């Protein structure tokens, strides 16, 4: 519990300092925003989107098929293929 409080205090301190303390002309978040808006980073984002796009589509299709398989009603409940455990008789 104390770890969580310390972590939250550090995160809040970083957020406060990043938004208010000037580092030259800009704050930390202002520098990050300026870097993110450069042409080089935009080219990098487009390149990643082009290269990873097909993989993301395949993962989305796989997740959709898995969800459909998990929620389909055409599996019989009494087939014994469930993940539950069988009850064993008590020995006197």
Protein backbone atom coordinates (compact mmCIF):
# COMPACT_ATOMS: atom_id res chain seq x y z
CA UNK A 1 0.00 0.00 0.00
CA UNK A 2 2.85 2.36 0.81
CA UNK A 3 4.47 1.54 -2.54
CA UNK A 4 1.30 2.58 -4.34
CA UNK A 5 1.15 5.88 -2.45
CA UNK A 6 4.83 6.60 -3.21
CA UNK A 7 4.33 5.71 -6.88
CA UNK A 8 1.27 7.96 -7.17
CA UNK A 9 3.10 10.82 -5.45
CA UNK A 10 6.04 10.48 -7.86
CA UNK A 11 3.72 10.32 -10.87
CA UNK A 12 1.83 13.40 -9.69
CA UNK A 13 5.11 15.25 -9.07
CA UNK A 14 6.39 14.36 -12.54
CA UNK A 15 3.14 15.48 -14.13
CA UNK A 16 3.18 18.76 -12.22
CA UNK A 17 6.82 19.49 -13.03
CA UNK A 18 6.43 18.41 -16.66
CA UNK A 19 3.55 20.81 -17.12
CA UNK A 20 4.84 23.84 -15.19
CA UNK A 21 8.66 23.93 -15.06
CA UNK A 22 10.19 25.63 -18.09
CA UNK A 23 13.19 24.01 -19.72
CA UNK A 24 14.34 26.79 -21.99
CA UNK A 25 11.38 28.15 -23.95
CA UNK A 26 9.05 25.23 -23.24
CA UNK A 27 8.03 22.83 -20.51
CA UNK A 28 8.91 19.13 -20.77
CA UNK A 29 5.51 18.38 -22.26
CA UNK A 30 5.90 21.30 -24.67
CA UNK A 31 9.19 19.85 -25.91
CA UNK A 32 7.59 16.43 -26.37
CA UNK A 33 4.69 17.99 -28.29
CA UNK A 34 7.11 19.94 -30.52
CA UNK A 35 9.17 16.83 -31.24
CA UNK A 36 6.03 14.78 -31.94
CA UNK A 37 4.93 17.36 -34.53
CA UNK A 38 8.17 17.25 -36.59
CA UNK A 39 8.18 15.91 -40.12
CA UNK A 40 10.62 13.12 -39.23
CA UNK A 41 8.35 11.74 -36.52
CA UNK A 42 5.34 11.96 -38.83
CA UNK A 43 7.28 9.92 -41.42
CA UNK A 44 8.19 7.41 -38.70
CA UNK A 45 4.55 7.08 -37.65
CA UNK A 46 3.44 6.52 -41.25
CA UNK A 47 6.19 3.92 -41.80
CA UNK A 48 5.20 2.02 -38.67
CA UNK A 49 1.54 2.17 -39.66
CA UNK A 50 2.36 0.80 -43.13
CA UNK A 51 4.55 -2.03 -41.83
CA UNK A 52 2.44 -3.06 -38.86
CA UNK A 53 -0.98 -2.58 -40.46
CA UNK A 54 -1.32 -6.12 -41.88
CA UNK A 55 -0.22 -7.64 -38.58
CA UNK A 56 -2.77 -5.60 -36.65
CA UNK A 57 -5.49 -6.72 -39.07
CA UNK A 58 -4.53 -10.38 -38.57
CA UNK A 59 -4.57 -10.00 -34.79
CA UNK A 60 -7.98 -8.31 -34.91
CA UNK A 61 -9.36 -11.14 -37.07
CA UNK A 62 -7.91 -13.74 -34.70
CA UNK A 63 -9.41 -12.05 -31.66
CA UNK A 64 -12.78 -11.81 -33.40
CA UNK A 65 -12.70 -15.51 -34.38
CA UNK A 66 -11.66 -16.47 -30.85
CA UNK A 67 -14.47 -14.42 -29.35
CA UNK A 68 -16.97 -15.96 -31.74
CA UNK A 69 -15.74 -19.46 -30.89
CA UNK A 70 -15.90 -18.76 -27.16
CA UNK A 71 -19.41 -17.37 -27.28
CA UNK A 72 -20.94 -19.80 -29.78
CA UNK A 73 -23.82 -21.96 -28.51
CA UNK A 74 -23.18 -24.99 -30.71
CA UNK A 75 -21.02 -26.77 -28.10
CA UNK A 76 -22.81 -29.35 -26.01
CA UNK A 77 -22.61 -28.87 -22.28
CA UNK A 78 -22.53 -32.57 -21.38
CA UNK A 79 -19.62 -33.54 -23.61
CA UNK A 80 -17.10 -33.59 -20.76
CA UNK A 81 -14.74 -31.21 -22.52
CA UNK A 82 -15.20 -28.41 -20.01
CA UNK A 83 -12.57 -27.10 -17.65
CA UNK A 84 -14.40 -28.08 -14.48
CA UNK A 85 -13.21 -30.85 -12.21
CA UNK A 86 -15.06 -34.07 -11.58
CA UNK A 87 -16.27 -34.85 -8.11
CA UNK A 88 -14.60 -37.88 -6.57
CA UNK A 89 -16.56 -40.03 -4.15
CA UNK A 90 -15.54 -39.79 -0.52
CA UNK A 91 -13.96 -42.95 0.91
CA UNK A 92 -15.17 -43.98 4.37
